[in-house]
Amino acid sequence: MNATSARRSIAVIGAGWAGCAAAVELARRGCAVHVYEAARIAGGRARRIDLHGHAVDNGQHILLGAYRDTLHLMHQVGLEPASLLLRLPLRSQAVTQHVQEHPRRGALGRRVERGNAQRTP
């Protein structure tokens, strides 16, 4: 951006990850940035929701392809991902239950015999 555009006031519509990332970059380049969001909270589809009294971060799968960039953005705005993110192994209650009920079958319904997997009806 040149000196003329750096004095501009720019509106960013939407406070999801993309809108917030755009606002951070524009501010870094010296622009006055105003972020507008229609929802009560920022985050777009990847926002925190309340589910049966528990705070749940919804939609983080949207960021999987940009995970490295997401962590970089967090660092840029002074956030430390290691202290903010609860990283757990990916698991499904249904798969866990299936494996417990059928210990000789894999998670995908294949019979496991000596390291070989075969589809079972």
PDB file of N, CA and C in Angstrom:
ATOM      1  N   MET A   1       0.845  -1.178   0.000  1.00  0.00           N
ATOM      2  CA  MET A   1       0.000   0.000   0.000  1.00  0.00           C
ATOM      3  C   MET A   1       0.882   1.230   0.000  1.00  0.00           C
ATOM      4  N   ASN A   2       0.419   2.273  -0.663  1.00  0.00           N
ATOM      5  CA  ASN A   2       1.199   3.496  -0.678  1.00  0.00           C
ATOM      6  C   ASN A   2       0.753   4.440   0.432  1.00  0.00           C
ATOM      7  N   ALA A   3       1.391   5.598   0.537  1.00  0.00           N
ATOM      8  CA  ALA A   3       1.097   6.536   1.634  1.00  0.00           C
ATOM      9  C   ALA A   3      -0.341   7.033   1.583  1.00  0.00           C
ATOM     10  N   THR A   4      -0.921   7.178   0.386  1.00  0.00           N
ATOM     11  CA  THR A   4      -2.299   7.649   0.270  1.00  0.00           C
ATOM     12  C   THR A   4      -3.274   6.631   0.829  1.00  0.00           C
ATOM     13  N   SER A   5      -3.103   5.357   0.470  1.00  0.00           N
ATOM     14  CA  SER A   5      -4.031   4.333   0.949  1.00  0.00           C
ATOM     15  C   SER A   5      -3.849   4.056   2.434  1.00  0.00           C
ATOM     16  N   ALA A   6      -2.663   4.311   2.981  1.00  0.00           N
ATOM     17  CA  ALA A   6      -2.425   4.068   4.402  1.00  0.00           C
ATOM     18  C   ALA A   6      -3.266   4.983   5.277  1.00  0.00           C
ATOM     19  N   ARG A   7      -3.714   6.121   4.751  1.00  0.00           N
ATOM     20  CA  ARG A   7      -4.541   7.050   5.520  1.00  0.00           C
ATOM     21  C   ARG A   7      -6.028   6.735   5.379  1.00  0.00           C
ATOM     22  N   ARG A   8      -6.363   5.814   4.538  1.00  0.00           N
ATOM     23  CA  ARG A   8      -7.765   5.474   4.308  1.00  0.00           C
ATOM     24  C   ARG A   8      -8.374   4.755   5.494  1.00  0.00           C
ATOM     25  N   SER A   9      -9.664   4.949   5.646  1.00  0.00           N
ATOM     26  CA  SER A   9     -10.430   4.196   6.634  1.00  0.00           C
ATOM     27  C   SER A   9     -11.143   3.085   5.869  1.00  0.00           C
ATOM     28  N   ILE A  10     -10.906   1.858   6.267  1.00  0.00           N
ATOM     29  CA  ILE A  10     -11.431   0.713   5.526  1.00  0.00           C
ATOM     30  C   ILE A  10     -12.382  -0.078   6.404  1.00  0.00           C
ATOM     31  N   ALA A  11     -13.523  -0.447   5.838  1.00  0.00           N
ATOM     32  CA  ALA A  11     -14.506  -1.279   6.544  1.00  0.00           C
ATOM     33  C   ALA A  11     -14.312  -2.729   6.129  1.00  0.00           C
ATOM     34  N   VAL A  12     -14.277  -3.607   7.111  1.00  0.00           N
ATOM     35  CA  VAL A  12     -14.231  -5.049   6.867  1.00  0.00           C
ATOM     36  C   VAL A  12     -15.573  -5.593   7.323  1.00  0.00           C
ATOM     37  N   ILE A  13     -16.275  -6.259   6.417  1.00  0.00           N
ATOM     38  CA  ILE A  13     -17.592  -6.808   6.723  1.00  0.00           C
ATOM     39  C   ILE A  13     -17.429  -8.271   7.106  1.00  0.00           C
ATOM     40  N   GLY A  14     -17.731  -8.563   8.358  1.00  0.00           N
ATOM     41  CA  GLY A  14     -17.640  -9.931   8.864  1.00  0.00           C
ATOM     42  C   GLY A  14     -16.438 -10.110   9.764  1.00  0.00           C
ATOM     43  N   ALA A  15     -16.685 -10.633  10.951  1.00  0.00           N
ATOM     44  CA  ALA A  15     -15.623 -10.839  11.936  1.00  0.00           C
ATOM     45  C   ALA A  15     -15.314 -12.320  12.122  1.00  0.00           C
ATOM     46  N   GLY A  16     -15.422 -13.067  11.020  1.00  0.00           N
ATOM     47  CA  GLY A  16     -14.948 -14.451  11.048  1.00  0.00           C
ATOM     48  C   GLY A  16     -13.436 -14.432  10.934  1.00  0.00           C
ATOM     49  N   TRP A  17     -12.826 -15.621  10.815  1.00  0.00           N
ATOM     50  CA  TRP A  17     -11.369 -15.675  10.737  1.00  0.00           C
ATOM     51  C   TRP A  17     -10.839 -14.895   9.543  1.00  0.00           C
ATOM     52  N   ALA A  18     -11.482 -14.976   8.399  1.00  0.00           N
ATOM     53  CA  ALA A  18     -10.994 -14.265   7.215  1.00  0.00           C
ATOM     54  C   ALA A  18     -11.095 -12.760   7.408  1.00  0.00           C
ATOM     55  N   GLY A  19     -12.228 -12.286   7.929  1.00  0.00           N
ATOM     56  CA  GLY A  19     -12.389 -10.856   8.168  1.00  0.00           C
ATOM     57  C   GLY A  19     -11.401 -10.338   9.193  1.00  0.00           C
ATOM     58  N   CYS A  20     -11.204 -11.087  10.263  1.00  0.00           N
ATOM     59  CA  CYS A  20     -10.242 -10.683  11.296  1.00  0.00           C
ATOM     60  C   CYS A  20      -8.820 -10.683  10.748  1.00  0.00           C
ATOM     61  N   ALA A  21      -8.478 -11.683   9.940  1.00  0.00           N
ATOM     62  CA  ALA A  21      -7.139 -11.737   9.340  1.00  0.00           C
ATOM     63  C   ALA A  21      -6.925 -10.545   8.413  1.00  0.00           C
ATOM     64  N   ALA A  22      -7.952 -10.207   7.630  1.00  0.00           N
ATOM     65  CA  ALA A  22      -7.848  -9.044   6.737  1.00  0.00           C
ATOM     66  C   ALA A  22      -7.671  -7.765   7.553  1.00  0.00           C
ATOM     67  N   ALA A  23      -8.427  -7.623   8.626  1.00  0.00           N
ATOM     68  CA  ALA A  23      -8.323  -6.428   9.469  1.00  0.00           C
ATOM     69  C   ALA A  23      -6.937  -6.303  10.086  1.00  0.00           C
ATOM     70  N   VAL A  24      -6.372  -7.412  10.561  1.00  0.00           N
ATOM     71  CA  VAL A  24      -5.026  -7.386  11.156  1.00  0.00           C
ATOM     72  C   VAL A  24      -4.002  -6.953  10.115  1.00  0.00           C
ATOM     73  N   GLU A  25      -4.085  -7.509   8.923  1.00  0.00           N
ATOM     74  CA  GLU A  25      -3.122  -7.163   7.868  1.00  0.00           C
ATOM     75  C   GLU A  25      -3.270  -5.699   7.444  1.00  0.00           C
ATOM     76  N   LEU A  26      -4.492  -5.220   7.292  1.00  0.00           N
ATOM     77  CA  LEU A  26      -4.698  -3.816   6.922  1.00  0.00           C
ATOM     78  C   LEU A  26      -4.172  -2.878   8.004  1.00  0.00           C
ATOM     79  N   ALA A  27      -4.416  -3.204   9.265  1.00  0.00           N
ATOM     80  CA  ALA A  27      -3.910  -2.379  10.364  1.00  0.00           C
ATOM     81  C   ALA A  27      -2.386  -2.413  10.396  1.00  0.00           C
ATOM     82  N   ARG A  28      -1.804  -3.587  10.136  1.00  0.00           N
ATOM     83  CA  ARG A  28      -0.343  -3.700  10.091  1.00  0.00           C
ATOM     84  C   ARG A  28       0.251  -2.788   9.031  1.00  0.00           C
ATOM     85  N   ARG A  29      -0.503  -2.608   7.952  1.00  0.00           N
ATOM     86  CA  ARG A  29      -0.044  -1.743   6.858  1.00  0.00           C
ATOM     87  C   ARG A  29      -0.400  -0.276   7.080  1.00  0.00           C
ATOM     88  N   GLY A  30      -0.964   0.036   8.229  1.00  0.00           N
ATOM     89  CA  GLY A  30      -1.198   1.429   8.575  1.00  0.00           C
ATOM     90  C   GLY A  30      -2.584   1.974   8.295  1.00  0.00           C
ATOM     91  N   CYS A  31      -3.507   1.140   7.889  1.00  0.00           N
ATOM     92  CA  CYS A  31      -4.872   1.596   7.595  1.00  0.00           C
ATOM     93  C   CYS A  31      -5.690   1.690   8.882  1.00  0.00           C
ATOM     94  N   ALA A  32      -6.651   2.595   8.880  1.00  0.00           N
ATOM     95  CA  ALA A  32      -7.645   2.643   9.961  1.00  0.00           C
ATOM     96  C   ALA A  32      -8.720   1.631   9.581  1.00  0.00           C
ATOM     97  N   VAL A  33      -8.959   0.653  10.433  1.00  0.00           N
ATOM     98  CA  VAL A  33      -9.852  -0.453  10.085  1.00  0.00           C
ATOM     99  C   VAL A  33     -11.043  -0.473  11.031  1.00  0.00           C
ATOM    100  N   HIS A  34     -12.236  -0.664  10.464  1.00  0.00           N
ATOM    101  CA  HIS A  34     -13.469  -0.824  11.233  1.00  0.00           C
ATOM    102  C   HIS A  34     -14.076  -2.156  10.819  1.00  0.00           C
ATOM    103  N   VAL A  35     -14.289  -3.057  11.790  1.00  0.00           N
ATOM    104  CA  VAL A  35     -14.836  -4.379  11.514  1.00  0.00           C
ATOM    105  C   VAL A  35     -16.306  -4.387  11.921  1.00  0.00           C
ATOM    106  N   TYR A  36     -17.168  -4.835  11.024  1.00  0.00           N
ATOM    107  CA  TYR A  36     -18.606  -4.906  11.280  1.00  0.00           C
ATOM    108  C   TYR A  36     -19.044  -6.370  11.230  1.00  0.00           C
ATOM    109  N   GLU A  37     -19.787  -6.778  12.247  1.00  0.00           N
ATOM    110  CA  GLU A  37     -20.256  -8.162  12.339  1.00  0.00           C
ATOM    111  C   GLU A  37     -21.741  -8.154  12.679  1.00  0.00           C
ATOM    112  N   ALA A  38     -22.527  -8.940  11.960  1.00  0.00           N
ATOM    113  CA  ALA A  38     -23.974  -9.001  12.196  1.00  0.00           C
ATOM    114  C   ALA A  38     -24.320  -9.828  13.439  1.00  0.00           C
ATOM    115  N   ALA A  39     -23.499 -10.814  13.752  1.00  0.00           N
ATOM    116  CA  ALA A  39     -23.784 -11.680  14.904  1.00  0.00           C
ATOM    117  C   ALA A  39     -23.387 -10.985  16.208  1.00  0.00           C
ATOM    118  N   ARG A  40     -23.837 -11.541  17.324  1.00  0.00           N
ATOM    119  CA  ARG A  40     -23.500 -10.978  18.642  1.00  0.00           C
ATOM    120  C   ARG A  40     -22.033 -11.145  18.984  1.00  0.00           C
ATOM    121  N   ILE A  41     -21.397 -12.185  18.444  1.00  0.00           N
ATOM    122  CA  ILE A  41     -19.992 -12.441  18.751  1.00  0.00           C
ATOM    123  C   ILE A  41     -19.211 -12.653  17.462  1.00  0.00           C
ATOM    124  N   ALA A  42     -17.916 -12.389  17.539  1.00  0.00           N
ATOM    125  CA  ALA A  42     -17.037 -12.599  16.383  1.00  0.00           C
ATOM    126  C   ALA A  42     -16.751 -14.085  16.216  1.00  0.00           C
ATOM    127  N   GLY A  43     -16.230 -14.431  15.068  1.00  0.00           N
ATOM    128  CA  GLY A  43     -15.814 -15.813  14.836  1.00  0.00           C
ATOM    129  C   GLY A  43     -16.432 -16.443  13.611  1.00  0.00           C
ATOM    130  N   GLY A  44     -17.527 -15.890  13.121  1.00  0.00           N
ATOM    131  CA  GLY A  44     -18.164 -16.484  11.950  1.00  0.00           C
ATOM    132  C   GLY A  44     -18.591 -17.912  12.223  1.00  0.00           C
ATOM    133  N   ARG A  45     -18.339 -18.799  11.254  1.00  0.00           N
ATOM    134  CA  ARG A  45     -18.718 -20.208  11.432  1.00  0.00           C
ATOM    135  C   ARG A  45     -17.805 -20.922  12.421  1.00  0.00           C
ATOM    136  N   ALA A  46     -16.669 -20.331  12.732  1.00  0.00           N
ATOM    137  CA  ALA A  46     -15.725 -20.949  13.682  1.00  0.00           C
ATOM    138  C   ALA A  46     -15.728 -20.145  14.976  1.00  0.00           C
ATOM    139  N   ARG A  47     -16.840 -20.144  15.654  1.00  0.00           N
ATOM    140  CA  ARG A  47     -16.975 -19.348  16.873  1.00  0.00           C
ATOM    141  C   ARG A  47     -17.268 -20.255  18.060  1.00  0.00           C
ATOM    142  N   ARG A  48     -17.156 -19.691  19.240  1.00  0.00           N
ATOM    143  CA  ARG A  48     -17.469 -20.431  20.461  1.00  0.00           C
ATOM    144  C   ARG A  48     -18.975 -20.413  20.663  1.00  0.00           C
ATOM    145  N   ILE A  49     -19.525 -21.565  20.977  1.00  0.00           N
ATOM    146  CA  ILE A  49     -20.952 -21.672  21.257  1.00  0.00           C
ATOM    147  C   ILE A  49     -21.145 -22.316  22.623  1.00  0.00           C
ATOM    148  N   ASP A  50     -22.318 -22.162  23.188  1.00  0.00           N
ATOM    149  CA  ASP A  50     -22.656 -22.811  24.448  1.00  0.00           C
ATOM    150  C   ASP A  50     -23.492 -24.038  24.107  1.00  0.00           C
ATOM    151  N   LEU A  51     -23.038 -25.204  24.544  1.00  0.00           N
ATOM    152  CA  LEU A  51     -23.731 -26.455  24.277  1.00  0.00           C
ATOM    153  C   LEU A  51     -23.968 -27.159  25.600  1.00  0.00           C
ATOM    154  N   HIS A  52     -25.203 -27.134  26.055  1.00  0.00           N
ATOM    155  CA  HIS A  52     -25.591 -27.776  27.312  1.00  0.00           C
ATOM    156  C   HIS A  52     -24.715 -27.317  28.482  1.00  0.00           C
ATOM    157  N   GLY A  53     -24.456 -26.010  28.528  1.00  0.00           N
ATOM    158  CA  GLY A  53     -23.681 -25.445  29.627  1.00  0.00           C
ATOM    159  C   GLY A  53     -22.174 -25.550  29.481  1.00  0.00           C
ATOM    160  N   HIS A  54     -21.700 -26.037  28.337  1.00  0.00           N
ATOM    161  CA  HIS A  54     -20.257 -26.162  28.101  1.00  0.00           C
ATOM    162  C   HIS A  54     -19.870 -25.271  26.930  1.00  0.00           C
ATOM    163  N   ALA A  55     -18.761 -24.554  27.069  1.00  0.00           N
ATOM    164  CA  ALA A  55     -18.244 -23.749  25.964  1.00  0.00           C
ATOM    165  C   ALA A  55     -17.567 -24.675  24.960  1.00  0.00           C
ATOM    166  N   VAL A  56     -17.989 -24.601  23.702  1.00  0.00           N
ATOM    167  CA  VAL A  56     -17.455 -25.458  22.652  1.00  0.00           C
ATOM    168  C   VAL A  56     -17.029 -24.569  21.485  1.00  0.00           C
ATOM    169  N   ASP A  57     -15.805 -24.783  21.000  1.00  0.00           N
ATOM    170  CA  ASP A  57     -15.356 -24.068  19.812  1.00  0.00           C
ATOM    171  C   ASP A  57     -15.890 -24.809  18.597  1.00  0.00           C
ATOM    172  N   ASN A  58     -16.759 -24.144  17.869  1.00  0.00           N
ATOM    173  CA  ASN A  58     -17.462 -24.736  16.736  1.00  0.00           C
ATOM    174  C   ASN A  58     -16.753 -24.389  15.435  1.00  0.00           C
ATOM    175  N   GLY A  59     -16.693 -25.325  14.520  1.00  0.00           N
ATOM    176  CA  GLY A  59     -16.237 -25.032  13.166  1.00  0.00           C
ATOM    177  C   GLY A  59     -14.745 -24.955  12.970  1.00  0.00           C
ATOM    178  N   GLN A  60     -13.957 -25.455  13.908  1.00  0.00           N
ATOM    179  CA  GLN A  60     -12.508 -25.351  13.741  1.00  0.00           C
ATOM    180  C   GLN A  60     -12.009 -26.170  12.553  1.00  0.00           C
ATOM    181  N   HIS A  61     -12.796 -27.146  12.106  1.00  0.00           N
ATOM    182  CA  HIS A  61     -12.415 -27.936  10.930  1.00  0.00           C
ATOM    183  C   HIS A  61     -12.270 -27.054   9.692  1.00  0.00           C
ATOM    184  N   ILE A  62     -12.914 -25.888   9.710  1.00  0.00           N
ATOM    185  CA  ILE A  62     -12.818 -24.959   8.587  1.00  0.00           C
ATOM    186  C   ILE A  62     -11.380 -24.473   8.424  1.00  0.00           C
ATOM    187  N   LEU A  63     -10.631 -24.426   9.510  1.00  0.00           N
ATOM    188  CA  LEU A  63      -9.284 -23.871   9.503  1.00  0.00           C
ATOM    189  C   LEU A  63      -8.201 -24.896   9.220  1.00  0.00           C
ATOM    190  N   LEU A  64      -8.536 -26.171   9.069  1.00  0.00           N
ATOM    191  CA  LEU A  64      -7.519 -27.213   8.942  1.00  0.00           C
ATOM    192  C   LEU A  64      -6.537 -26.962   7.804  1.00  0.00           C
ATOM    193  N   GLY A  65      -7.011 -26.506   6.672  1.00  0.00           N
ATOM    194  CA  GLY A  65      -6.120 -26.245   5.541  1.00  0.00           C
ATOM    195  C   GLY A  65      -5.217 -25.051   5.750  1.00  0.00           C
ATOM    196  N   ALA A  66      -5.547 -24.212   6.702  1.00  0.00           N
ATOM    197  CA  ALA A  66      -4.766 -22.998   6.971  1.00  0.00           C
ATOM    198  C   ALA A  66      -4.242 -22.994   8.398  1.00  0.00           C
ATOM    199  N   TYR A  67      -3.980 -24.172   8.952  1.00  0.00           N
ATOM    200  CA  TYR A  67      -3.622 -24.276  10.363  1.00  0.00           C
ATOM    201  C   TYR A  67      -2.371 -23.468  10.702  1.00  0.00           C
ATOM    202  N   ARG A  68      -1.340 -23.589   9.893  1.00  0.00           N
ATOM    203  CA  ARG A  68      -0.095 -22.857  10.149  1.00  0.00           C
ATOM    204  C   ARG A  68      -0.350 -21.351  10.109  1.00  0.00           C
ATOM    205  N   ASP A  69      -1.134 -20.893   9.136  1.00  0.00           N
ATOM    206  CA  ASP A  69      -1.444 -19.468   9.028  1.00  0.00           C
ATOM    207  C   ASP A  69      -2.303 -18.995  10.196  1.00  0.00           C
ATOM    208  N   THR A  70      -3.196 -19.856  10.666  1.00  0.00           N
ATOM    209  CA  THR A  70      -4.040 -19.514  11.815  1.00  0.00           C
ATOM    210  C   THR A  70      -3.178 -19.301  13.055  1.00  0.00           C
ATOM    211  N   LEU A  71      -2.225 -20.193  13.295  1.00  0.00           N
ATOM    212  CA  LEU A  71      -1.325 -20.046  14.443  1.00  0.00           C
ATOM    213  C   LEU A  71      -0.481 -18.787  14.305  1.00  0.00           C
ATOM    214  N   HIS A  72      -0.025 -18.496  13.093  1.00  0.00           N
ATOM    215  CA  HIS A  72       0.769 -17.281  12.852  1.00  0.00           C
ATOM    216  C   HIS A  72      -0.059 -16.033  13.153  1.00  0.00           C
ATOM    217  N   LEU A  73      -1.316 -16.020  12.730  1.00  0.00           N
ATOM    218  CA  LEU A  73      -2.196 -14.891  13.001  1.00  0.00           C
ATOM    219  C   LEU A  73      -2.383 -14.709  14.508  1.00  0.00           C
ATOM    220  N   MET A  74      -2.550 -15.803  15.223  1.00  0.00           N
ATOM    221  CA  MET A  74      -2.702 -15.711  16.672  1.00  0.00           C
ATOM    222  C   MET A  74      -1.462 -15.072  17.302  1.00  0.00           C
ATOM    223  N   HIS A  75      -0.280 -15.494  16.853  1.00  0.00           N
ATOM    224  CA  HIS A  75       0.962 -14.911  17.365  1.00  0.00           C
ATOM    225  C   HIS A  75       1.038 -13.419  17.029  1.00  0.00           C
ATOM    226  N   GLN A  76       0.618 -13.043  15.805  1.00  0.00           N
ATOM    227  CA  GLN A  76       0.674 -11.645  15.377  1.00  0.00           C
ATOM    228  C   GLN A  76      -0.110 -10.721  16.305  1.00  0.00           C
ATOM    229  N   VAL A  77      -1.226 -11.200  16.822  1.00  0.00           N
ATOM    230  CA  VAL A  77      -2.067 -10.342  17.673  1.00  0.00           C
ATOM    231  C   VAL A  77      -1.792 -10.557  19.154  1.00  0.00           C
ATOM    232  N   GLY A  78      -0.692 -11.265  19.463  1.00  0.00           N
ATOM    233  CA  GLY A  78      -0.272 -11.406  20.848  1.00  0.00           C
ATOM    234  C   GLY A  78      -0.890 -12.550  21.614  1.00  0.00           C
ATOM    235  N   LEU A  79      -1.435 -13.530  20.920  1.00  0.00           N
ATOM    236  CA  LEU A  79      -2.024 -14.700  21.583  1.00  0.00           C
ATOM    237  C   LEU A  79      -1.052 -15.869  21.515  1.00  0.00           C
ATOM    238  N   GLU A  80      -1.040 -16.673  22.558  1.00  0.00           N
ATOM    239  CA  GLU A  80      -0.166 -17.842  22.605  1.00  0.00           C
ATOM    240  C   GLU A  80      -1.014 -19.108  22.451  1.00  0.00           C
ATOM    241  N   PRO A  81      -1.007 -19.717  21.256  1.00  0.00           N
ATOM    242  CA  PRO A  81      -1.840 -20.891  21.007  1.00  0.00           C
ATOM    243  C   PRO A  81      -1.664 -22.016  22.022  1.00  0.00           C
ATOM    244  N   ALA A  82      -0.435 -22.252  22.474  1.00  0.00           N
ATOM    245  CA  ALA A  82      -0.198 -23.366  23.406  1.00  0.00           C
ATOM    246  C   ALA A  82      -0.984 -23.195  24.706  1.00  0.00           C
ATOM    247  N   SER A  83      -1.210 -21.957  25.122  1.00  0.00           N
ATOM    248  CA  SER A  83      -1.944 -21.747  26.371  1.00  0.00           C
ATOM    249  C   SER A  83      -3.444 -21.570  26.139  1.00  0.00           C
ATOM    250  N   LEU A  84      -3.860 -21.403  24.887  1.00  0.00           N
ATOM    251  CA  LEU A  84      -5.270 -21.145  24.593  1.00  0.00           C
ATOM    252  C   LEU A  84      -6.007 -22.333  23.978  1.00  0.00           C
ATOM    253  N   LEU A  85      -5.289 -23.210  23.300  1.00  0.00           N
ATOM    254  CA  LEU A  85      -5.929 -24.317  22.593  1.00  0.00           C
ATOM    255  C   LEU A  85      -5.815 -25.607  23.397  1.00  0.00           C
ATOM    256  N   LEU A  86      -6.899 -26.298  23.510  1.00  0.00           N
ATOM    257  CA  LEU A  86      -6.920 -27.614  24.143  1.00  0.00           C
ATOM    258  C   LEU A  86      -6.839 -28.635  23.012  1.00  0.00           C
ATOM    259  N   ARG A  87      -5.689 -29.240  22.856  1.00  0.00           N
ATOM    260  CA  ARG A  87      -5.474 -30.172  21.757  1.00  0.00           C
ATOM    261  C   ARG A  87      -5.663 -31.596  22.271  1.00  0.00           C
ATOM    262  N   LEU A  88      -6.669 -32.260  21.740  1.00  0.00           N
ATOM    263  CA  LEU A  88      -6.995 -33.635  22.115  1.00  0.00           C
ATOM    264  C   LEU A  88      -6.928 -34.512  20.885  1.00  0.00           C
ATOM    265  N   PRO A  89      -6.673 -35.800  21.062  1.00  0.00           N
ATOM    266  CA  PRO A  89      -6.706 -36.696  19.907  1.00  0.00           C
ATOM    267  C   PRO A  89      -8.115 -36.713  19.311  1.00  0.00           C
ATOM    268  N   LEU A  90      -8.170 -36.806  17.997  1.00  0.00           N
ATOM    269  CA  LEU A  90      -9.453 -36.873  17.311  1.00  0.00           C
ATOM    270  C   LEU A  90     -10.081 -38.228  17.581  1.00  0.00           C
ATOM    271  N   ARG A  91     -11.301 -38.225  18.093  1.00  0.00           N
ATOM    272  CA  ARG A  91     -11.980 -39.489  18.357  1.00  0.00           C
ATOM    273  C   ARG A  91     -13.484 -39.290  18.258  1.00  0.00           C
ATOM    274  N   SER A  92     -14.142 -40.361  17.980  1.00  0.00           N
ATOM    275  CA  SER A  92     -15.592 -40.354  17.859  1.00  0.00           C
ATOM    276  C   SER A  92     -16.159 -41.328  18.881  1.00  0.00           C
ATOM    277  N   GLN A  93     -17.150 -40.902  19.624  1.00  0.00           N
ATOM    278  CA  GLN A  93     -17.763 -41.783  20.619  1.00  0.00           C
ATOM    279  C   GLN A  93     -18.354 -43.014  19.944  1.00  0.00           C
ATOM    280  N   ALA A  94     -18.937 -42.844  18.774  1.00  0.00           N
ATOM    281  CA  ALA A  94     -19.535 -43.980  18.069  1.00  0.00           C
ATOM    282  C   ALA A  94     -18.462 -44.987  17.652  1.00  0.00           C
ATOM    283  N   VAL A  95     -17.327 -44.494  17.151  1.00  0.00           N
ATOM    284  CA  VAL A  95     -16.245 -45.394  16.748  1.00  0.00           C
ATOM    285  C   VAL A  95     -15.680 -46.095  17.965  1.00  0.00           C
ATOM    286  N   THR A  96     -15.454 -45.365  19.055  1.00  0.00           N
ATOM    287  CA  THR A  96     -14.924 -45.956  20.285  1.00  0.00           C
ATOM    288  C   THR A  96     -15.843 -47.063  20.776  1.00  0.00           C
ATOM    289  N   GLN A  97     -17.156 -46.809  20.788  1.00  0.00           N
ATOM    290  CA  GLN A  97     -18.117 -47.810  21.245  1.00  0.00           C
ATOM    291  C   GLN A  97     -18.100 -49.025  20.322  1.00  0.00           C
ATOM    292  N   HIS A  98     -18.055 -48.803  19.009  1.00  0.00           N
ATOM    293  CA  HIS A  98     -18.034 -49.898  18.046  1.00  0.00           C
ATOM    294  C   HIS A  98     -16.810 -50.794  18.268  1.00  0.00           C
ATOM    295  N   VAL A  99     -15.648 -50.168  18.455  1.00  0.00           N
ATOM    296  CA  VAL A  99     -14.419 -50.933  18.647  1.00  0.00           C
ATOM    297  C   VAL A  99     -14.479 -51.728  19.950  1.00  0.00           C
ATOM    298  N   GLN A 100     -15.058 -51.139  20.996  1.00  0.00           N
ATOM    299  CA  GLN A 100     -15.186 -51.848  22.262  1.00  0.00           C
ATOM    300  C   GLN A 100     -16.138 -53.039  22.136  1.00  0.00           C
ATOM    301  N   GLU A 101     -17.221 -52.876  21.379  1.00  0.00           N
ATOM    302  CA  GLU A 101     -18.205 -53.949  21.215  1.00  0.00           C
ATOM    303  C   GLU A 101     -17.722 -55.031  20.259  1.00  0.00           C
ATOM    304  N   HIS A 102     -16.843 -54.673  19.308  1.00  0.00           N
ATOM    305  CA  HIS A 102     -16.356 -55.609  18.296  1.00  0.00           C
ATOM    306  C   HIS A 102     -14.831 -55.539  18.250  1.00  0.00           C
ATOM    307  N   PRO A 103     -14.165 -56.078  19.267  1.00  0.00           N
ATOM    308  CA  PRO A 103     -12.707 -55.914  19.358  1.00  0.00           C
ATOM    309  C   PRO A 103     -11.927 -56.545  18.206  1.00  0.00           C
ATOM    310  N   ARG A 104     -12.515 -57.496  17.479  1.00  0.00           N
ATOM    311  CA  ARG A 104     -11.788 -58.127  16.376  1.00  0.00           C
ATOM    312  C   ARG A 104     -12.055 -57.433  15.045  1.00  0.00           C
ATOM    313  N   ARG A 105     -12.781 -56.316  15.096  1.00  0.00           N
ATOM    314  CA  ARG A 105     -13.040 -55.534  13.880  1.00  0.00           C
ATOM    315  C   ARG A 105     -12.422 -54.162  14.048  1.00  0.00           C
ATOM    316  N   GLY A 106     -11.987 -53.599  12.968  1.00  0.00           N
ATOM    317  CA  GLY A 106     -11.436 -52.238  13.005  1.00  0.00           C
ATOM    318  C   GLY A 106     -12.556 -51.219  13.063  1.00  0.00           C
ATOM    319  N   ALA A 107     -12.191 -49.973  13.134  1.00  0.00           N
ATOM    320  CA  ALA A 107     -13.160 -48.890  13.258  1.00  0.00           C
ATOM    321  C   ALA A 107     -14.071 -48.781  12.038  1.00  0.00           C
ATOM    322  N   LEU A 108     -13.626 -49.279  10.877  1.00  0.00           N
ATOM    323  CA  LEU A 108     -14.424 -49.161   9.660  1.00  0.00           C
ATOM    324  C   LEU A 108     -15.224 -50.422   9.357  1.00  0.00           C
ATOM    325  N   GLY A 109     -15.372 -51.306  10.328  1.00  0.00           N
ATOM    326  CA  GLY A 109     -16.176 -52.507  10.129  1.00  0.00           C
ATOM    327  C   GLY A 109     -15.442 -53.621   9.420  1.00  0.00           C
ATOM    328  N   ARG A 110     -14.131 -53.545   9.336  1.00  0.00           N
ATOM    329  CA  ARG A 110     -13.352 -54.595   8.689  1.00  0.00           C
ATOM    330  C   ARG A 110     -12.870 -55.580   9.746  1.00  0.00           C
ATOM    331  N   ARG A 111     -12.948 -56.850   9.412  1.00  0.00           N
ATOM    332  CA  ARG A 111     -12.468 -57.875  10.331  1.00  0.00           C
ATOM    333  C   ARG A 111     -10.942 -57.861  10.311  1.00  0.00           C
ATOM    334  N   VAL A 112     -10.331 -57.816  11.484  1.00  0.00           N
ATOM    335  CA  VAL A 112      -8.876 -57.745  11.581  1.00  0.00           C
ATOM    336  C   VAL A 112      -8.323 -59.102  11.970  1.00  0.00           C
ATOM    337  N   GLU A 113      -7.525 -59.691  11.108  1.00  0.00           N
ATOM    338  CA  GLU A 113      -6.894 -60.994  11.341  1.00  0.00           C
ATOM    339  C   GLU A 113      -5.409 -60.865  10.996  1.00  0.00           C
ATOM    340  N   ARG A 114      -4.553 -61.018  11.944  1.00  0.00           N
ATOM    341  CA  ARG A 114      -3.097 -61.007  11.726  1.00  0.00           C
ATOM    342  C   ARG A 114      -2.653 -59.851  10.831  1.00  0.00           C
ATOM    343  N   GLY A 115      -3.169 -58.653  11.085  1.00  0.00           N
ATOM    344  CA  GLY A 115      -2.735 -57.486  10.333  1.00  0.00           C
ATOM    345  C   GLY A 115      -3.439 -57.285   9.009  1.00  0.00           C
ATOM    346  N   ASN A 116      -4.290 -58.234   8.594  1.00  0.00           N
ATOM    347  CA  ASN A 116      -5.013 -58.081   7.333  1.00  0.00           C
ATOM    348  C   ASN A 116      -6.433 -57.586   7.643  1.00  0.00           C
ATOM    349  N   ALA A 117      -6.904 -56.685   6.829  1.00  0.00           N
ATOM    350  CA  ALA A 117      -8.271 -56.186   7.004  1.00  0.00           C
ATOM    351  C   ALA A 117      -9.136 -56.685   5.840  1.00  0.00           C
ATOM    352  N   GLN A 118     -10.291 -57.247   6.186  1.00  0.00           N
ATOM    353  CA  GLN A 118     -11.215 -57.730   5.163  1.00  0.00           C
ATOM    354  C   GLN A 118     -12.598 -57.139   5.448  1.00  0.00           C
ATOM    355  N   ARG A 119     -13.281 -56.721   4.400  1.00  0.00           N
ATOM    356  CA  ARG A 119     -14.632 -56.164   4.545  1.00  0.00           C
ATOM    357  C   ARG A 119     -15.577 -57.284   4.953  1.00  0.00           C
ATOM    358  N   THR A 120     -16.409 -57.021   5.970  1.00  0.00           N
ATOM    359  CA  THR A 120     -17.416 -58.014   6.383  1.00  0.00           C
ATOM    360  C   THR A 120     -18.786 -57.450   6.102  1.00  0.00           C
ATOM    361  N   PRO A 121     -19.737 -58.312   5.807  1.00  0.00           N
ATOM    362  CA  PRO A 121     -21.079 -57.822   5.496  1.00  0.00           C
ATOM    363  C   PRO A 121     -21.775 -57.218   6.693  1.00  0.00           C
TER     364      PRO A 121
END
